Amino acid sequence: MTGIETIAIVGAVASAAAGAASAISAGNQRAAQAKMQSQATAYNAAQQRTQAEVQMSNAEAEASRGEDLTRRRMATAANAMGASGVQAGGGSGLDLMADLAAEGALDAEITRWRGRQGAISSERQAQALDWQSGIQGAQAKAEKQAGNMQAATTLLTQGARIYGGAL
């Protein structure tokens, strides 16, 4: 083997090594990017879960305020009926109290239902984000493997070229 052939072989080996290193580096960069996306998506899922809890808490607080308001309305109505001489225990007075209680209870339940629906929607979004985060995590692993496979392919191809040319 002449000096020129040796230099050519060393150059080809160096080129193969550089190509392999480049492939590994590119795969690692793509994997890191996919991993960061996965982590960001997982964070967004956690935020959606927090939002669901906040919606439920807000709905419960609003329903409690509504129930308090209903009690005050019923007390005001009972006082007004008493002042006017109407008996709150029967007839139209009882009907009025029953209507106020029913409306208040219905308003409270509607408020709670809306809170539950908002929380369910947020939880579903969180589940979708969890799924997406899992996909992105798998993509990160695949990108790393792809970089390693590209490096191996580069080394094997260059090795075959060197071997084929050296014979």
Foldseek 3Di string as FASTA:
>chain_A
DDPVLVVVLVVLQVVLQVQLVVLLVQLLVLLVVLLVVLVVLLVLLVVLLVVLVVLQVVLQVVLVVLLVVLVVVLVVLCVVCVVVVHDCPDDPNVVVNVVSVVVSVVVSVVSNVVSNVSSVVSNVSSVVSNVVSVVSNVVSVVSNVSSNVSSVVSNVVSVVVSVVVVD
